Amino acid sequence: MEFRPITAADIEACVDVFFASDEALAASRNYPIAPRSPTAIFNIVEHIANTTPERAWLAEDDGSVRAFGMAAERGDLVYLSFLFVHPDAQATGVGRALYERSMPLSGYRATAIWSPQPISAAMYAREGLVPRVPIYTLSGRPRESLPALPPGLQLTEISQSELDDLDKEICGFTRAADHAAWQRWERRPFALREGASLVGYGYAQPAGRLGPAVVRHAEHLVPLVGALMAAVEPREDWMIHVPGPAAELFAGLLRAGMRLRGAPLIFCATEARVDHSRYLPATFVLP
């Protein structure tokens, strides 16, 4: 097995490894196989490889890509975005080797793992990335509206500098490249303002994806999500990643008729910096 940096020509092969590994894992746990969405995965793999190329690696055997790993570096956080090994190459040590190439040995590090993966959970925990927060996927269309924005709060347009300020305050890092990508992929950002003050932001996409969303005050998260749903008419069902600490939103979406989708993922990190009662991630593969 040979290891080398990922190039643009390798992205499609990495996507194939992702689906082969993910589907084999689902089948082994008797979970239904989700329909493939290769364009979305291709876009995000390409984006991470372009923004942090020094942390994007693959393993190949006789010219065939058998595994890949990549991490996104945002501020002082290094986030393991992908580490997938083709079923035919598992249990050979290639996953560990890719982890060591993609991730630093110290510092602030994080990732998200699918909960039915005890081997991954143990491997990352030994490196200090301990399980901290469950993140559930909810999907569907609410039969009932979420609470409206309180008087004085409204959705408006938002600038990049304002996005950076809130990210730094709530998440601890900025990510201008990610915001540019989300907007390129048709996610529309909205500011949540209380009078002239910025108190949050959120994204909604016509394809039905909602997030990221950030609020300064946890009590604003539920009405923000409701306002985002009202602002954009989705072509498909909504899909939202909701951390367990966002308890009011979690319960409110279920009461409104949305449903849990599959097993949760678990946010694992070396430090508990992010307040997940005030933050909804856009995806499991970016912080």
C-alpha atoms as a PDB file:
ATOM      1  CA  MET A   1       0.000   0.000   0.000  1.00  0.00           C
ATOM      2  CA  GLU A   2       1.348   3.410  -0.993  1.00  0.00           C
ATOM      3  CA  PHE A   3       0.353   6.767   0.519  1.00  0.00           C
ATOM      4  CA  ARG A   4       0.315  10.131  -1.227  1.00  0.00           C
ATOM      5  CA  PRO A   5      -1.492  13.495  -1.155  1.00  0.00           C
ATOM      6  CA  ILE A   6      -4.920  13.683  -2.801  1.00  0.00           C
ATOM      7  CA  THR A   7      -5.071  15.519  -6.123  1.00  0.00           C
ATOM      8  CA  ALA A   8      -8.051  16.862  -8.057  1.00  0.00           C
ATOM      9  CA  ALA A   9      -7.945  13.773 -10.264  1.00  0.00           C
ATOM     10  CA  ASP A  10      -8.460  11.529  -7.212  1.00  0.00           C
ATOM     11  CA  ILE A  11     -11.714  13.030  -5.900  1.00  0.00           C
ATOM     12  CA  GLU A  12     -14.053  10.725  -7.812  1.00  0.00           C
ATOM     13  CA  ALA A  13     -12.173   7.623  -6.652  1.00  0.00           C
ATOM     14  CA  CYS A  14     -12.319   8.865  -3.048  1.00  0.00           C
ATOM     15  CA  VAL A  15     -16.082   9.323  -3.371  1.00  0.00           C
ATOM     16  CA  ASP A  16     -16.373   5.726  -4.564  1.00  0.00           C
ATOM     17  CA  VAL A  17     -14.437   4.534  -1.495  1.00  0.00           C
ATOM     18  CA  PHE A  18     -16.718   6.624   0.731  1.00  0.00           C
ATOM     19  CA  PHE A  19     -19.884   4.998  -0.594  1.00  0.00           C
ATOM     20  CA  ALA A  20     -18.444   1.474  -0.595  1.00  0.00           C
ATOM     21  CA  SER A  21     -17.308   1.801   3.027  1.00  0.00           C
ATOM     22  CA  ASP A  22     -20.440   3.590   4.248  1.00  0.00           C
ATOM     23  CA  GLU A  23     -22.813   1.116   2.605  1.00  0.00           C
ATOM     24  CA  ALA A  24     -20.886  -1.886   3.926  1.00  0.00           C
ATOM     25  CA  LEU A  25     -21.070  -0.497   7.449  1.00  0.00           C
ATOM     26  CA  ALA A  26     -24.814   0.167   7.166  1.00  0.00           C
ATOM     27  CA  ALA A  27     -25.413  -3.338   5.851  1.00  0.00           C
ATOM     28  CA  SER A  28     -23.400  -4.866   8.682  1.00  0.00           C
ATOM     29  CA  ARG A  29     -25.683  -3.117  11.192  1.00  0.00           C
ATOM     30  CA  ASN A  30     -28.872  -3.984   9.282  1.00  0.00           C
ATOM     31  CA  TYR A  31     -29.547  -0.336   8.498  1.00  0.00           C
ATOM     32  CA  PRO A  32     -31.157   0.587   5.173  1.00  0.00           C
ATOM     33  CA  ILE A  33     -28.775   1.715   2.449  1.00  0.00           C
ATOM     34  CA  ALA A  34     -29.338   5.405   1.750  1.00  0.00           C
ATOM     35  CA  PRO A  35     -29.585   6.592  -1.863  1.00  0.00           C
ATOM     36  CA  ARG A  36     -26.252   7.858  -3.159  1.00  0.00           C
ATOM     37  CA  SER A  37     -25.749  11.599  -3.582  1.00  0.00           C
ATOM     38  CA  PRO A  38     -22.371  11.651  -5.371  1.00  0.00           C
ATOM     39  CA  THR A  39     -22.476  15.309  -6.395  1.00  0.00           C
ATOM     40  CA  ALA A  40     -22.871  16.554  -2.817  1.00  0.00           C
ATOM     41  CA  ILE A  41     -20.091  14.277  -1.536  1.00  0.00           C
ATOM     42  CA  PHE A  42     -17.834  15.174  -4.459  1.00  0.00           C
ATOM     43  CA  ASN A  43     -18.302  18.889  -3.726  1.00  0.00           C
ATOM     44  CA  ILE A  44     -17.456  18.615  -0.042  1.00  0.00           C
ATOM     45  CA  VAL A  45     -14.459  16.294  -0.586  1.00  0.00           C
ATOM     46  CA  GLU A  46     -13.134  18.668  -3.230  1.00  0.00           C
ATOM     47  CA  HIS A  47     -13.718  21.677  -0.974  1.00  0.00           C
ATOM     48  CA  ILE A  48     -11.825  20.204   1.973  1.00  0.00           C
ATOM     49  CA  ALA A  49      -8.984  19.009  -0.241  1.00  0.00           C
ATOM     50  CA  ASN A  50      -8.685  22.512  -1.703  1.00  0.00           C
ATOM     51  CA  THR A  51      -8.834  24.392   1.610  1.00  0.00           C
ATOM     52  CA  THR A  52      -6.480  22.115   3.589  1.00  0.00           C
ATOM     53  CA  PRO A  53      -4.492  20.192   0.965  1.00  0.00           C
ATOM     54  CA  GLU A  54      -1.660  19.293   3.324  1.00  0.00           C
ATOM     55  CA  ARG A  55      -4.085  17.193   5.385  1.00  0.00           C
ATOM     56  CA  ALA A  56      -5.676  15.273   2.479  1.00  0.00           C
ATOM     57  CA  TRP A  57      -4.142  11.828   1.888  1.00  0.00           C
ATOM     58  CA  LEU A  58      -5.009   8.565   0.160  1.00  0.00           C
ATOM     59  CA  ALA A  59      -3.773   5.008   0.109  1.00  0.00           C
ATOM     60  CA  GLU A  60      -3.558   3.116  -3.157  1.00  0.00           C
ATOM     61  CA  ASP A  61      -2.656  -0.409  -4.165  1.00  0.00           C
ATOM     62  CA  ASP A  62      -1.437  -1.022  -7.699  1.00  0.00           C
ATOM     63  CA  GLY A  63      -2.864   2.333  -8.777  1.00  0.00           C
ATOM     64  CA  SER A  64      -6.295   1.758  -7.216  1.00  0.00           C
ATOM     65  CA  VAL A  65      -7.464   4.052  -4.390  1.00  0.00           C
ATOM     66  CA  ARG A  66      -8.320   1.887  -1.367  1.00  0.00           C
ATOM     67  CA  ALA A  67      -8.718   4.495   1.391  1.00  0.00           C
ATOM     68  CA  PHE A  68      -8.538   8.203   2.064  1.00  0.00           C
ATOM     69  CA  GLY A  69      -8.419  10.598   4.986  1.00  0.00           C
ATOM     70  CA  MET A  70      -8.688  14.365   5.166  1.00  0.00           C
ATOM     71  CA  ALA A  71      -8.983  17.048   7.810  1.00  0.00           C
ATOM     72  CA  ALA A  72     -10.151  20.653   7.716  1.00  0.00           C
ATOM     73  CA  GLU A  73      -8.049  23.206   9.560  1.00  0.00           C
ATOM     74  CA  ARG A  74     -10.086  26.146  10.873  1.00  0.00           C
ATOM     75  CA  GLY A  75      -8.257  28.485  13.236  1.00  0.00           C
ATOM     76  CA  ASP A  76      -6.506  26.325  15.838  1.00  0.00           C
ATOM     77  CA  LEU A  77      -8.976  23.459  15.311  1.00  0.00           C
ATOM     78  CA  VAL A  78      -8.108  20.481  13.114  1.00  0.00           C
ATOM     79  CA  TYR A  79     -11.298  18.592  12.281  1.00  0.00           C
ATOM     80  CA  LEU A  80     -11.108  15.087  10.835  1.00  0.00           C
ATOM     81  CA  SER A  81     -13.651  15.254   8.020  1.00  0.00           C
ATOM     82  CA  PHE A  82     -13.236  11.881   6.301  1.00  0.00           C
ATOM     83  CA  LEU A  83     -11.443   8.633   7.081  1.00  0.00           C
ATOM     84  CA  PHE A  84     -12.816   5.812   4.944  1.00  0.00           C
ATOM     85  CA  VAL A  85     -11.303   2.485   3.964  1.00  0.00           C
ATOM     86  CA  HIS A  86     -12.703   0.243   1.244  1.00  0.00           C
ATOM     87  CA  PRO A  87     -14.139  -2.969   2.787  1.00  0.00           C
ATOM     88  CA  ASP A  88     -11.542  -5.045   0.950  1.00  0.00           C
ATOM     89  CA  ALA A  89      -8.699  -3.113   2.637  1.00  0.00           C
ATOM     90  CA  GLN A  90      -9.989  -2.905   6.209  1.00  0.00           C
ATOM     91  CA  ALA A  91      -8.154  -4.356   9.217  1.00  0.00           C
ATOM     92  CA  THR A  92      -4.802  -3.797   7.504  1.00  0.00           C
ATOM     93  CA  GLY A  93      -3.652  -0.737   9.467  1.00  0.00           C
ATOM     94  CA  VAL A  94      -4.301   1.634   6.581  1.00  0.00           C
ATOM     95  CA  GLY A  95      -6.856   3.660   8.578  1.00  0.00           C
ATOM     96  CA  ARG A  96      -4.380   4.321  11.368  1.00  0.00           C
ATOM     97  CA  ALA A  97      -1.698   5.290   8.848  1.00  0.00           C
ATOM     98  CA  LEU A  98      -4.018   7.792   7.158  1.00  0.00           C
ATOM     99  CA  TYR A  99      -5.086   9.238  10.496  1.00  0.00           C
ATOM    100  CA  GLU A 100      -1.467   9.887  11.410  1.00  0.00           C
ATOM    101  CA  ARG A 101      -0.892  11.687   8.105  1.00  0.00           C
ATOM    102  CA  SER A 102      -4.082  13.763   8.250  1.00  0.00           C
ATOM    103  CA  MET A 103      -4.161  14.745  11.926  1.00  0.00           C
ATOM    104  CA  PRO A 104      -1.665  16.337  14.328  1.00  0.00           C
ATOM    105  CA  LEU A 105      -0.650  14.512  17.494  1.00  0.00           C
ATOM    106  CA  SER A 106      -1.608  17.366  19.820  1.00  0.00           C
ATOM    107  CA  GLY A 107      -3.682  20.519  19.994  1.00  0.00           C
ATOM    108  CA  TYR A 108      -7.383  21.144  19.582  1.00  0.00           C
ATOM    109  CA  ARG A 109      -8.853  18.362  17.443  1.00  0.00           C
ATOM    110  CA  ALA A 110     -12.359  17.078  16.716  1.00  0.00           C
ATOM    111  CA  THR A 111     -14.424  14.800  14.488  1.00  0.00           C
ATOM    112  CA  ALA A 112     -17.884  13.233  14.255  1.00  0.00           C
ATOM    113  CA  ILE A 113     -18.418   9.475  14.186  1.00  0.00           C
ATOM    114  CA  TRP A 114     -21.471   7.336  13.535  1.00  0.00           C
ATOM    115  CA  SER A 115     -22.593   5.949  16.904  1.00  0.00           C
ATOM    116  CA  PRO A 116     -22.610   2.245  15.855  1.00  0.00           C
ATOM    117  CA  GLN A 117     -18.822   2.393  15.400  1.00  0.00           C
ATOM    118  CA  PRO A 118     -17.173   1.327  18.669  1.00  0.00           C
ATOM    119  CA  ILE A 119     -13.837   0.650  16.975  1.00  0.00           C
ATOM    120  CA  SER A 120     -13.633   4.207  15.636  1.00  0.00           C
ATOM    121  CA  ALA A 121     -14.808   5.644  18.951  1.00  0.00           C
ATOM    122  CA  ALA A 122     -12.067   3.789  20.807  1.00  0.00           C
ATOM    123  CA  MET A 123      -9.353   4.740  18.300  1.00  0.00           C
ATOM    124  CA  TYR A 124     -10.187   8.443  18.415  1.00  0.00           C
ATOM    125  CA  ALA A 125     -10.647   8.479  22.199  1.00  0.00           C
ATOM    126  CA  ARG A 126      -7.153   7.065  22.623  1.00  0.00           C
ATOM    127  CA  GLU A 127      -5.955  10.102  20.674  1.00  0.00           C
ATOM    128  CA  GLY A 128      -7.862  12.430  23.009  1.00  0.00           C
ATOM    129  CA  LEU A 129     -10.936  12.938  20.802  1.00  0.00           C
ATOM    130  CA  VAL A 130     -13.447  11.695  23.368  1.00  0.00           C
ATOM    131  CA  PRO A 131     -17.209  11.389  22.683  1.00  0.00           C
ATOM    132  CA  ARG A 132     -18.948  14.531  23.935  1.00  0.00           C
ATOM    133  CA  VAL A 133     -22.213  15.414  22.148  1.00  0.00           C
ATOM    134  CA  PRO A 134     -24.760  13.296  20.233  1.00  0.00           C
ATOM    135  CA  ILE A 135     -26.026  14.898  17.025  1.00  0.00           C
ATOM    136  CA  TYR A 136     -29.284  13.646  15.554  1.00  0.00           C
ATOM    137  CA  THR A 137     -30.615  14.059  12.028  1.00  0.00           C
ATOM    138  CA  LEU A 138     -34.262  15.046  11.776  1.00  0.00           C
ATOM    139  CA  SER A 139     -36.149  15.103   8.497  1.00  0.00           C
ATOM    140  CA  GLY A 140     -39.591  15.833   7.151  1.00  0.00           C
ATOM    141  CA  ARG A 141     -41.925  18.794   6.950  1.00  0.00           C
ATOM    142  CA  PRO A 142     -43.399  20.168  10.170  1.00  0.00           C
ATOM    143  CA  ARG A 143     -47.166  19.744  10.420  1.00  0.00           C
ATOM    144  CA  GLU A 144     -47.190  22.645  12.861  1.00  0.00           C
ATOM    145  CA  SER A 145     -45.226  25.881  12.797  1.00  0.00           C
ATOM    146  CA  LEU A 146     -42.465  26.462  15.313  1.00  0.00           C
ATOM    147  CA  PRO A 147     -42.807  29.493  17.602  1.00  0.00           C
ATOM    148  CA  ALA A 148     -42.577  32.795  15.750  1.00  0.00           C
ATOM    149  CA  LEU A 149     -39.756  35.266  16.271  1.00  0.00           C
ATOM    150  CA  PRO A 150     -40.396  37.348  19.398  1.00  0.00           C
ATOM    151  CA  PRO A 151     -41.219  41.041  18.867  1.00  0.00           C
ATOM    152  CA  GLY A 152     -38.082  42.991  18.004  1.00  0.00           C
ATOM    153  CA  LEU A 153     -36.340  40.074  16.233  1.00  0.00           C
ATOM    154  CA  GLN A 154     -36.181  39.842  12.451  1.00  0.00           C
ATOM    155  CA  LEU A 155     -34.327  38.126   9.610  1.00  0.00           C
ATOM    156  CA  THR A 156     -32.223  40.338   7.341  1.00  0.00           C
ATOM    157  CA  GLU A 157     -29.225  40.039   5.048  1.00  0.00           C
ATOM    158  CA  ILE A 158     -25.782  39.448   6.576  1.00  0.00           C
ATOM    159  CA  SER A 159     -22.217  40.343   5.604  1.00  0.00           C
ATOM    160  CA  GLN A 160     -19.121  38.143   5.683  1.00  0.00           C
ATOM    161  CA  SER A 161     -17.555  40.188   8.491  1.00  0.00           C
ATOM    162  CA  GLU A 162     -20.632  39.614  10.648  1.00  0.00           C
ATOM    163  CA  LEU A 163     -20.493  35.868   9.964  1.00  0.00           C
ATOM    164  CA  ASP A 164     -16.843  35.867  11.020  1.00  0.00           C
ATOM    165  CA  ASP A 165     -17.595  37.759  14.237  1.00  0.00           C
ATOM    166  CA  LEU A 166     -20.294  35.323  15.351  1.00  0.00           C
ATOM    167  CA  ASP A 167     -18.262  32.245  14.374  1.00  0.00           C
ATOM    168  CA  LYS A 168     -15.313  33.508  16.391  1.00  0.00           C
ATOM    169  CA  GLU A 169     -17.506  34.255  19.402  1.00  0.00           C
ATOM    170  CA  ILE A 170     -19.592  31.064  19.464  1.00  0.00           C
ATOM    171  CA  CYS A 171     -17.418  28.452  17.722  1.00  0.00           C
ATOM    172  CA  GLY A 172     -13.940  29.810  18.387  1.00  0.00           C
ATOM    173  CA  PHE A 173     -12.795  30.030  14.765  1.00  0.00           C
ATOM    174  CA  THR A 174     -13.626  31.705  11.461  1.00  0.00           C
ATOM    175  CA  ARG A 175     -14.341  29.897   8.180  1.00  0.00           C
ATOM    176  CA  ALA A 176     -14.764  32.299   5.295  1.00  0.00           C
ATOM    177  CA  ALA A 177     -14.011  29.557   2.752  1.00  0.00           C
ATOM    178  CA  ASP A 178     -16.821  27.380   4.133  1.00  0.00           C
ATOM    179  CA  HIS A 179     -19.318  30.237   3.987  1.00  0.00           C
ATOM    180  CA  ALA A 180     -18.340  30.883   0.374  1.00  0.00           C
ATOM    181  CA  ALA A 181     -18.868  27.191  -0.420  1.00  0.00           C
ATOM    182  CA  TRP A 182     -22.258  26.987   1.307  1.00  0.00           C
ATOM    183  CA  GLN A 183     -23.453  29.995  -0.637  1.00  0.00           C
ATOM    184  CA  ARG A 184     -22.064  28.547  -3.863  1.00  0.00           C
ATOM    185  CA  TRP A 185     -24.119  25.408  -3.111  1.00  0.00           C
ATOM    186  CA  GLU A 186     -27.315  27.488  -2.835  1.00  0.00           C
ATOM    187  CA  ARG A 187     -27.495  27.781   0.932  1.00  0.00           C
ATOM    188  CA  ARG A 188     -28.809  31.236   1.720  1.00  0.00           C
ATOM    189  CA  PRO A 189     -27.554  33.053   4.844  1.00  0.00           C
ATOM    190  CA  PHE A 190     -29.806  35.196   7.030  1.00  0.00           C
ATOM    191  CA  ALA A 191     -28.937  37.467   9.935  1.00  0.00           C
ATOM    192  CA  LEU A 192     -31.030  37.361  13.095  1.00  0.00           C
ATOM    193  CA  ARG A 193     -31.187  40.885  14.460  1.00  0.00           C
ATOM    194  CA  GLU A 194     -32.640  42.391  17.584  1.00  0.00           C
ATOM    195  CA  GLY A 195     -33.079  45.977  16.553  1.00  0.00           C
ATOM    196  CA  ALA A 196     -29.670  46.971  15.191  1.00  0.00           C
ATOM    197  CA  SER A 197     -27.815  44.209  17.076  1.00  0.00           C
ATOM    198  CA  LEU A 198     -26.767  40.954  15.429  1.00  0.00           C
ATOM    199  CA  VAL A 199     -27.789  38.045  17.678  1.00  0.00           C
ATOM    200  CA  GLY A 200     -27.482  35.097  15.301  1.00  0.00           C
ATOM    201  CA  TYR A 201     -27.398  33.759  11.773  1.00  0.00           C
ATOM    202  CA  GLY A 202     -28.666  30.732   9.908  1.00  0.00           C
ATOM    203  CA  TYR A 203     -28.637  29.122   6.472  1.00  0.00           C
ATOM    204  CA  ALA A 204     -31.489  27.526   4.539  1.00  0.00           C
ATOM    205  CA  GLN A 205     -31.316  25.827   1.152  1.00  0.00           C
ATOM    206  CA  PRO A 206     -34.104  25.158  -1.383  1.00  0.00           C
ATOM    207  CA  ALA A 207     -32.981  21.507  -1.437  1.00  0.00           C
ATOM    208  CA  GLY A 208     -34.164  21.299   2.191  1.00  0.00           C
ATOM    209  CA  ARG A 209     -30.880  21.533   4.089  1.00  0.00           C
ATOM    210  CA  LEU A 210     -30.866  23.849   7.100  1.00  0.00           C
ATOM    211  CA  GLY A 211     -27.693  24.964   8.880  1.00  0.00           C
ATOM    212  CA  PRO A 212     -25.304  26.053  10.071  1.00  0.00           C
ATOM    213  CA  ALA A 213     -27.127  28.185  12.594  1.00  0.00           C
ATOM    214  CA  VAL A 214     -25.543  30.185  15.403  1.00  0.00           C
ATOM    215  CA  VAL A 215     -27.238  32.268  18.111  1.00  0.00           C
ATOM    216  CA  ARG A 216     -25.877  34.362  20.950  1.00  0.00           C
ATOM    217  CA  HIS A 217     -28.779  33.328  23.203  1.00  0.00           C
ATOM    218  CA  ALA A 218     -29.988  29.729  23.322  1.00  0.00           C
ATOM    219  CA  GLU A 219     -33.645  30.783  23.569  1.00  0.00           C
ATOM    220  CA  HIS A 220     -33.413  32.249  20.057  1.00  0.00           C
ATOM    221  CA  LEU A 221     -32.516  28.961  18.358  1.00  0.00           C
ATOM    222  CA  VAL A 222     -36.059  27.580  18.059  1.00  0.00           C
ATOM    223  CA  PRO A 223     -37.640  30.743  16.609  1.00  0.00           C
ATOM    224  CA  LEU A 224     -34.628  31.204  14.291  1.00  0.00           C
ATOM    225  CA  VAL A 225     -35.110  27.724  12.825  1.00  0.00           C
ATOM    226  CA  GLY A 226     -38.824  28.370  12.445  1.00  0.00           C
ATOM    227  CA  ALA A 227     -38.139  31.658  10.667  1.00  0.00           C
ATOM    228  CA  LEU A 228     -35.615  30.021   8.323  1.00  0.00           C
ATOM    229  CA  MET A 229     -38.161  27.360   7.396  1.00  0.00           C
ATOM    230  CA  ALA A 230     -40.715  30.066   6.663  1.00  0.00           C
ATOM    231  CA  ALA A 231     -38.236  32.104   4.589  1.00  0.00           C
ATOM    232  CA  VAL A 232     -37.283  29.328   2.146  1.00  0.00           C
ATOM    233  CA  GLU A 233     -39.692  26.899   0.489  1.00  0.00           C
ATOM    234  CA  PRO A 234     -37.883  23.558   0.144  1.00  0.00           C
ATOM    235  CA  ARG A 235     -38.192  21.357  -2.920  1.00  0.00           C
ATOM    236  CA  GLU A 236     -37.729  18.297  -0.695  1.00  0.00           C
ATOM    237  CA  ASP A 237     -38.148  17.484   2.981  1.00  0.00           C
ATOM    238  CA  TRP A 238     -36.128  19.479   5.471  1.00  0.00           C
ATOM    239  CA  MET A 239     -33.058  17.809   6.939  1.00  0.00           C
ATOM    240  CA  ILE A 240     -31.530  19.304  10.090  1.00  0.00           C
ATOM    241  CA  HIS A 241     -28.652  18.122  12.295  1.00  0.00           C
ATOM    242  CA  VAL A 242     -29.650  18.805  15.911  1.00  0.00           C
ATOM    243  CA  PRO A 243     -27.238  18.341  18.849  1.00  0.00           C
ATOM    244  CA  GLY A 244     -28.658  16.826  22.013  1.00  0.00           C
ATOM    245  CA  PRO A 245     -27.992  19.983  24.093  1.00  0.00           C
ATOM    246  CA  ALA A 246     -30.363  21.926  21.789  1.00  0.00           C
ATOM    247  CA  ALA A 247     -33.122  20.225  23.780  1.00  0.00           C
ATOM    248  CA  GLU A 248     -35.962  22.663  23.151  1.00  0.00           C
ATOM    249  CA  LEU A 249     -35.421  22.575  19.394  1.00  0.00           C
ATOM    250  CA  PHE A 250     -35.026  18.785  19.386  1.00  0.00           C
ATOM    251  CA  ALA A 251     -38.332  18.258  21.190  1.00  0.00           C
ATOM    252  CA  GLY A 252     -40.094  21.033  19.281  1.00  0.00           C
ATOM    253  CA  LEU A 253     -39.248  19.588  15.868  1.00  0.00           C
ATOM    254  CA  LEU A 254     -40.465  16.138  16.920  1.00  0.00           C
ATOM    255  CA  ARG A 255     -43.693  17.574  18.311  1.00  0.00           C
ATOM    256  CA  ALA A 256     -44.169  19.443  15.025  1.00  0.00           C
ATOM    257  CA  GLY A 257     -44.073  16.143  13.138  1.00  0.00           C
ATOM    258  CA  MET A 258     -40.477  15.735  11.990  1.00  0.00           C
ATOM    259  CA  ARG A 259     -38.864  12.333  12.463  1.00  0.00           C
ATOM    260  CA  LEU A 260     -35.528  10.951  13.544  1.00  0.00           C
ATOM    261  CA  ARG A 261     -33.427   9.612  10.706  1.00  0.00           C
ATOM    262  CA  GLY A 262     -31.050   6.775  11.518  1.00  0.00           C
ATOM    263  CA  ALA A 263     -28.619   6.472  14.392  1.00  0.00           C
ATOM    264  CA  PRO A 264     -27.034   9.638  15.778  1.00  0.00           C
ATOM    265  CA  LEU A 265     -23.508  10.742  15.204  1.00  0.00           C
ATOM    266  CA  ILE A 266     -21.272  11.745  18.082  1.00  0.00           C
ATOM    267  CA  PHE A 267     -19.150  14.869  18.171  1.00  0.00           C
ATOM    268  CA  CYS A 268     -15.754  13.898  19.578  1.00  0.00           C
ATOM    269  CA  ALA A 269     -13.160  16.450  20.617  1.00  0.00           C
ATOM    270  CA  THR A 270     -10.105  17.031  22.747  1.00  0.00           C
ATOM    271  CA  GLU A 271     -11.843  20.004  24.399  1.00  0.00           C
ATOM    272  CA  ALA A 272     -15.466  20.993  25.055  1.00  0.00           C
ATOM    273  CA  ARG A 273     -15.291  24.471  23.521  1.00  0.00           C
ATOM    274  CA  VAL A 274     -18.470  24.710  21.416  1.00  0.00           C
ATOM    275  CA  ASP A 275     -21.797  25.371  23.124  1.00  0.00           C
ATOM    276  CA  HIS A 276     -24.048  23.042  21.126  1.00  0.00           C
ATOM    277  CA  SER A 277     -27.178  24.522  22.684  1.00  0.00           C
ATOM    278  CA  ARG A 278     -26.482  27.568  20.498  1.00  0.00           C
ATOM    279  CA  TYR A 279     -25.090  25.927  17.373  1.00  0.00           C
ATOM    280  CA  LEU A 280     -26.437  23.659  14.630  1.00  0.00           C
ATOM    281  CA  PRO A 281     -23.804  22.216  12.270  1.00  0.00           C
ATOM    282  CA  ALA A 282     -24.361  22.273   8.527  1.00  0.00           C
ATOM    283  CA  THR A 283     -22.826  18.837   8.041  1.00  0.00           C
ATOM    284  CA  PHE A 284     -20.955  16.153   9.934  1.00  0.00           C
ATOM    285  CA  VAL A 285     -17.794  16.630   7.882  1.00  0.00           C
ATOM    286  CA  LEU A 286     -17.102  20.271   8.765  1.00  0.00           C
ATOM    287  CA  PRO A 287     -16.936  21.814  12.240  1.00  0.00           C
END
